[in-house]
């Protein structure tokens, strides 16, 4: 979902909150990804329940991001510092959680299923990203669900 869908709507969800919020989102979420992977090396989570709980948390933040993208030109708390902070936090949390969850899933699969399980996980992940990317492209191109934001209007 992150690679195929969320990154495609990043400008839709961030720009109504201003260029500073957009810049912080792009910069900090790019930092969150490798930091989370690095953290997963030293603090791996092997519990499937804990990984599922983290996934639910990430899904909630991702839902907020999609809501901000779909509700343009008036997403939640637009024009406030709270809104800008929330969208930046949401993006950083999603990017960090997705990276951490992927690393933990890889650790679990490596322990339980070996290389075959990791290979299959990689294949399924790429198929999911492709399906998400094609779906969001079609939604962006051929529907009016996402409106462009113009700060000058």
C-alpha atoms as a PDB file:
ATOM      1  CA  UNK A   1       0.000   0.000   0.000  1.00  0.00           C
ATOM      2  CA  UNK A   2       2.801   2.403   0.822  1.00  0.00           C
ATOM      3  CA  UNK A   3       4.734   2.144  -2.446  1.00  0.00           C
ATOM      4  CA  UNK A   4       1.791   1.652  -4.762  1.00  0.00           C
ATOM      5  CA  UNK A   5      -0.860   3.940  -3.280  1.00  0.00           C
ATOM      6  CA  UNK A   6       0.261   6.371  -0.602  1.00  0.00           C
ATOM      7  CA  UNK A   7       3.259   7.847  -2.368  1.00  0.00           C
ATOM      8  CA  UNK A   8       1.025   8.556  -5.361  1.00  0.00           C
ATOM      9  CA  UNK A   9      -1.242  10.778  -3.275  1.00  0.00           C
ATOM     10  CA  UNK A  10       1.431  12.462  -1.162  1.00  0.00           C
ATOM     11  CA  UNK A  11       1.053  15.854  -2.810  1.00  0.00           C
ATOM     12  CA  UNK A  12      -2.733  15.663  -2.500  1.00  0.00           C
ATOM     13  CA  UNK A  13      -2.511  15.009   1.237  1.00  0.00           C
ATOM     14  CA  UNK A  14       0.278  17.477   2.091  1.00  0.00           C
ATOM     15  CA  UNK A  15       0.015  20.559  -0.113  1.00  0.00           C
ATOM     16  CA  UNK A  16      -3.157  22.002   1.462  1.00  0.00           C
ATOM     17  CA  UNK A  17      -1.157  22.352   4.679  1.00  0.00           C
ATOM     18  CA  UNK A  18       1.548  24.409   2.963  1.00  0.00           C
ATOM     19  CA  UNK A  19       4.923  23.979   1.387  1.00  0.00           C
ATOM     20  CA  UNK A  20       6.708  23.680   4.734  1.00  0.00           C
ATOM     21  CA  UNK A  21       4.510  20.742   5.769  1.00  0.00           C
ATOM     22  CA  UNK A  22       5.085  19.133   2.377  1.00  0.00           C
ATOM     23  CA  UNK A  23       8.852  19.637   2.617  1.00  0.00           C
ATOM     24  CA  UNK A  24       8.971  18.252   6.155  1.00  0.00           C
ATOM     25  CA  UNK A  25       6.855  15.287   5.137  1.00  0.00           C
ATOM     26  CA  UNK A  26       9.088  14.337   2.239  1.00  0.00           C
ATOM     27  CA  UNK A  27      12.306  14.875   4.183  1.00  0.00           C
ATOM     28  CA  UNK A  28      11.364  13.268   7.489  1.00  0.00           C
ATOM     29  CA  UNK A  29       9.557  10.290   5.960  1.00  0.00           C
ATOM     30  CA  UNK A  30      12.641   9.614   3.837  1.00  0.00           C
ATOM     31  CA  UNK A  31      14.694   9.541   7.033  1.00  0.00           C
ATOM     32  CA  UNK A  32      12.152   7.383   8.906  1.00  0.00           C
ATOM     33  CA  UNK A  33      12.479   4.494   6.462  1.00  0.00           C
ATOM     34  CA  UNK A  34      16.182   3.666   6.935  1.00  0.00           C
ATOM     35  CA  UNK A  35      16.056   4.474  10.653  1.00  0.00           C
ATOM     36  CA  UNK A  36      13.232   1.986  11.120  1.00  0.00           C
ATOM     37  CA  UNK A  37      15.103  -0.692   9.199  1.00  0.00           C
ATOM     38  CA  UNK A  38      18.187  -0.016  11.315  1.00  0.00           C
ATOM     39  CA  UNK A  39      16.086  -0.241  14.481  1.00  0.00           C
ATOM     40  CA  UNK A  40      14.636  -3.571  13.328  1.00  0.00           C
ATOM     41  CA  UNK A  41      18.145  -5.029  13.224  1.00  0.00           C
ATOM     42  CA  UNK A  42      18.656  -4.426  16.946  1.00  0.00           C
ATOM     43  CA  UNK A  43      15.056  -4.726  18.155  1.00  0.00           C
ATOM     44  CA  UNK A  44      13.402  -7.296  15.904  1.00  0.00           C
ATOM     45  CA  UNK A  45       9.840  -8.267  16.681  1.00  0.00           C
ATOM     46  CA  UNK A  46       9.207 -11.974  16.180  1.00  0.00           C
ATOM     47  CA  UNK A  47       5.662 -12.040  17.518  1.00  0.00           C
ATOM     48  CA  UNK A  48       3.083 -12.203  14.755  1.00  0.00           C
ATOM     49  CA  UNK A  49       0.530 -10.566  17.065  1.00  0.00           C
ATOM     50  CA  UNK A  50       2.828  -7.628  17.769  1.00  0.00           C
ATOM     51  CA  UNK A  51       3.544  -7.182  14.054  1.00  0.00           C
ATOM     52  CA  UNK A  52      -0.197  -7.304  13.357  1.00  0.00           C
ATOM     53  CA  UNK A  53      -0.768  -4.651  16.035  1.00  0.00           C
ATOM     54  CA  UNK A  54       1.843  -2.422  14.420  1.00  0.00           C
ATOM     55  CA  UNK A  55       0.153  -3.006  11.060  1.00  0.00           C
ATOM     56  CA  UNK A  56      -3.200  -1.899  12.482  1.00  0.00           C
ATOM     57  CA  UNK A  57      -1.553   1.250  13.854  1.00  0.00           C
ATOM     58  CA  UNK A  58       0.039   1.929  10.454  1.00  0.00           C
ATOM     59  CA  UNK A  59      -3.270   1.328   8.715  1.00  0.00           C
ATOM     60  CA  UNK A  60      -4.963   3.931  10.922  1.00  0.00           C
ATOM     61  CA  UNK A  61      -2.316   6.527  10.022  1.00  0.00           C
ATOM     62  CA  UNK A  62      -2.614   5.549   6.348  1.00  0.00           C
ATOM     63  CA  UNK A  63      -6.391   6.016   6.527  1.00  0.00           C
ATOM     64  CA  UNK A  64      -5.830   9.528   7.865  1.00  0.00           C
ATOM     65  CA  UNK A  65      -3.462  10.243   4.979  1.00  0.00           C
ATOM     66  CA  UNK A  66      -6.021   9.004   2.441  1.00  0.00           C
ATOM     67  CA  UNK A  67      -8.723  11.077   4.129  1.00  0.00           C
ATOM     68  CA  UNK A  68      -6.610  14.222   3.831  1.00  0.00           C
ATOM     69  CA  UNK A  69      -6.010  13.461   0.155  1.00  0.00           C
ATOM     70  CA  UNK A  70      -9.662  12.770  -0.609  1.00  0.00           C
ATOM     71  CA  UNK A  71     -11.034  15.778   1.280  1.00  0.00           C
ATOM     72  CA  UNK A  72      -9.172  18.425  -0.725  1.00  0.00           C
ATOM     73  CA  UNK A  73      -9.608  21.402  -0.764  1.00  0.00           C
ATOM     74  CA  UNK A  74     -10.705  21.250   2.892  1.00  0.00           C
ATOM     75  CA  UNK A  75      -8.969  18.363   4.659  1.00  0.00           C
ATOM     76  CA  UNK A  76      -9.114  18.122   8.465  1.00  0.00           C
ATOM     77  CA  UNK A  77      -7.554  21.049  10.334  1.00  0.00           C
ATOM     78  CA  UNK A  78      -6.413  22.813   7.150  1.00  0.00           C
ATOM     79  CA  UNK A  79      -4.955  26.232   7.849  1.00  0.00           C
ATOM     80  CA  UNK A  80      -3.871  25.285  11.370  1.00  0.00           C
ATOM     81  CA  UNK A  81      -0.562  24.275  12.854  1.00  0.00           C
ATOM     82  CA  UNK A  82      -2.255  21.179  14.275  1.00  0.00           C
ATOM     83  CA  UNK A  83      -3.259  20.042  10.790  1.00  0.00           C
ATOM     84  CA  UNK A  84       0.237  20.509   9.416  1.00  0.00           C
ATOM     85  CA  UNK A  85       1.755  18.674  12.375  1.00  0.00           C
ATOM     86  CA  UNK A  86      -0.720  15.805  12.064  1.00  0.00           C
ATOM     87  CA  UNK A  87      -0.065  15.260   8.376  1.00  0.00           C
ATOM     88  CA  UNK A  88       3.703  15.296   8.903  1.00  0.00           C
ATOM     89  CA  UNK A  89       3.418  12.894  11.851  1.00  0.00           C
ATOM     90  CA  UNK A  90       1.102  10.625   9.866  1.00  0.00           C
ATOM     91  CA  UNK A  91       3.547  10.378   6.984  1.00  0.00           C
ATOM     92  CA  UNK A  92       6.544   9.780   9.231  1.00  0.00           C
ATOM     93  CA  UNK A  93       4.655   7.124  11.205  1.00  0.00           C
ATOM     94  CA  UNK A  94       3.448   5.321   8.095  1.00  0.00           C
ATOM     95  CA  UNK A  95       6.861   5.327   6.423  1.00  0.00           C
ATOM     96  CA  UNK A  96       8.589   4.229   9.609  1.00  0.00           C
ATOM     97  CA  UNK A  97       6.038   1.583  10.524  1.00  0.00           C
ATOM     98  CA  UNK A  98       5.899   0.102   7.031  1.00  0.00           C
ATOM     99  CA  UNK A  99       9.686  -0.220   6.913  1.00  0.00           C
ATOM    100  CA  UNK A 100       9.833  -1.692  10.424  1.00  0.00           C
ATOM    101  CA  UNK A 101       7.002  -4.135   9.732  1.00  0.00           C
ATOM    102  CA  UNK A 102       8.599  -5.309   6.482  1.00  0.00           C
ATOM    103  CA  UNK A 103      11.894  -5.926   8.277  1.00  0.00           C
ATOM    104  CA  UNK A 104      10.163  -7.824  11.094  1.00  0.00           C
ATOM    105  CA  UNK A 105       8.179  -9.939   8.645  1.00  0.00           C
ATOM    106  CA  UNK A 106      11.409 -10.769   6.819  1.00  0.00           C
ATOM    107  CA  UNK A 107      13.004 -11.792  10.134  1.00  0.00           C
ATOM    108  CA  UNK A 108      10.032 -14.013  10.997  1.00  0.00           C
ATOM    109  CA  UNK A 109      10.000 -15.613   7.555  1.00  0.00           C
ATOM    110  CA  UNK A 110      13.770 -16.155   7.601  1.00  0.00           C
ATOM    111  CA  UNK A 111      13.463 -17.983  10.937  1.00  0.00           C
ATOM    112  CA  UNK A 112      10.454 -20.089   9.994  1.00  0.00           C
ATOM    113  CA  UNK A 113      10.518 -20.590   6.251  1.00  0.00           C
ATOM    114  CA  UNK A 114      13.975 -19.782   4.973  1.00  0.00           C
ATOM    115  CA  UNK A 115      14.806 -18.418   1.551  1.00  0.00           C
ATOM    116  CA  UNK A 116      11.713 -19.800  -0.144  1.00  0.00           C
ATOM    117  CA  UNK A 117       9.412 -17.929   2.222  1.00  0.00           C
ATOM    118  CA  UNK A 118      11.385 -14.706   1.746  1.00  0.00           C
ATOM    119  CA  UNK A 119      11.238 -15.093  -2.024  1.00  0.00           C
ATOM    120  CA  UNK A 120       7.478 -15.648  -1.981  1.00  0.00           C
ATOM    121  CA  UNK A 121       6.999 -12.680   0.323  1.00  0.00           C
ATOM    122  CA  UNK A 122       8.983 -10.521  -2.092  1.00  0.00           C
ATOM    123  CA  UNK A 123       6.909 -11.678  -5.035  1.00  0.00           C
ATOM    124  CA  UNK A 124       3.630 -11.004  -3.233  1.00  0.00           C
ATOM    125  CA  UNK A 125       4.882  -7.593  -2.098  1.00  0.00           C
ATOM    126  CA  UNK A 126       5.787  -6.585  -5.660  1.00  0.00           C
ATOM    127  CA  UNK A 127       2.465  -7.840  -7.021  1.00  0.00           C
ATOM    128  CA  UNK A 128       0.632  -5.843  -4.349  1.00  0.00           C
ATOM    129  CA  UNK A 129       2.612  -2.708  -5.172  1.00  0.00           C
ATOM    130  CA  UNK A 130       1.862  -3.127  -8.868  1.00  0.00           C
ATOM    131  CA  UNK A 131      -1.859  -3.635  -8.275  1.00  0.00           C
ATOM    132  CA  UNK A 132      -1.952  -0.630  -5.943  1.00  0.00           C
ATOM    133  CA  UNK A 133      -0.058   1.561  -8.416  1.00  0.00           C
ATOM    134  CA  UNK A 134      -2.303   0.652 -11.340  1.00  0.00           C
ATOM    135  CA  UNK A 135      -5.444   1.119  -9.237  1.00  0.00           C
ATOM    136  CA  UNK A 136      -4.419   4.518  -7.922  1.00  0.00           C
ATOM    137  CA  UNK A 137      -3.309   5.616 -11.396  1.00  0.00           C
ATOM    138  CA  UNK A 138      -6.728   4.773 -12.760  1.00  0.00           C
ATOM    139  CA  UNK A 139      -8.443   6.561  -9.876  1.00  0.00           C
ATOM    140  CA  UNK A 140      -6.280   9.651 -10.256  1.00  0.00           C
ATOM    141  CA  UNK A 141      -6.549   9.784 -14.026  1.00  0.00           C
ATOM    142  CA  UNK A 142     -10.161   8.797 -14.718  1.00  0.00           C
ATOM    143  CA  UNK A 143     -12.156   9.865 -11.661  1.00  0.00           C
ATOM    144  CA  UNK A 144     -12.727  13.059  -9.743  1.00  0.00           C
ATOM    145  CA  UNK A 145     -11.988  11.508  -6.339  1.00  0.00           C
ATOM    146  CA  UNK A 146      -8.766  13.482  -5.955  1.00  0.00           C
ATOM    147  CA  UNK A 147      -8.847  17.186  -6.712  1.00  0.00           C
ATOM    148  CA  UNK A 148      -5.726  19.206  -7.445  1.00  0.00           C
ATOM    149  CA  UNK A 149      -4.902  21.775  -4.807  1.00  0.00           C
ATOM    150  CA  UNK A 150      -4.112  25.283  -5.921  1.00  0.00           C
ATOM    151  CA  UNK A 151      -3.037  27.662  -3.158  1.00  0.00           C
ATOM    152  CA  UNK A 152      -3.856  30.654  -5.388  1.00  0.00           C
ATOM    153  CA  UNK A 153      -7.600  30.021  -5.548  1.00  0.00           C
END
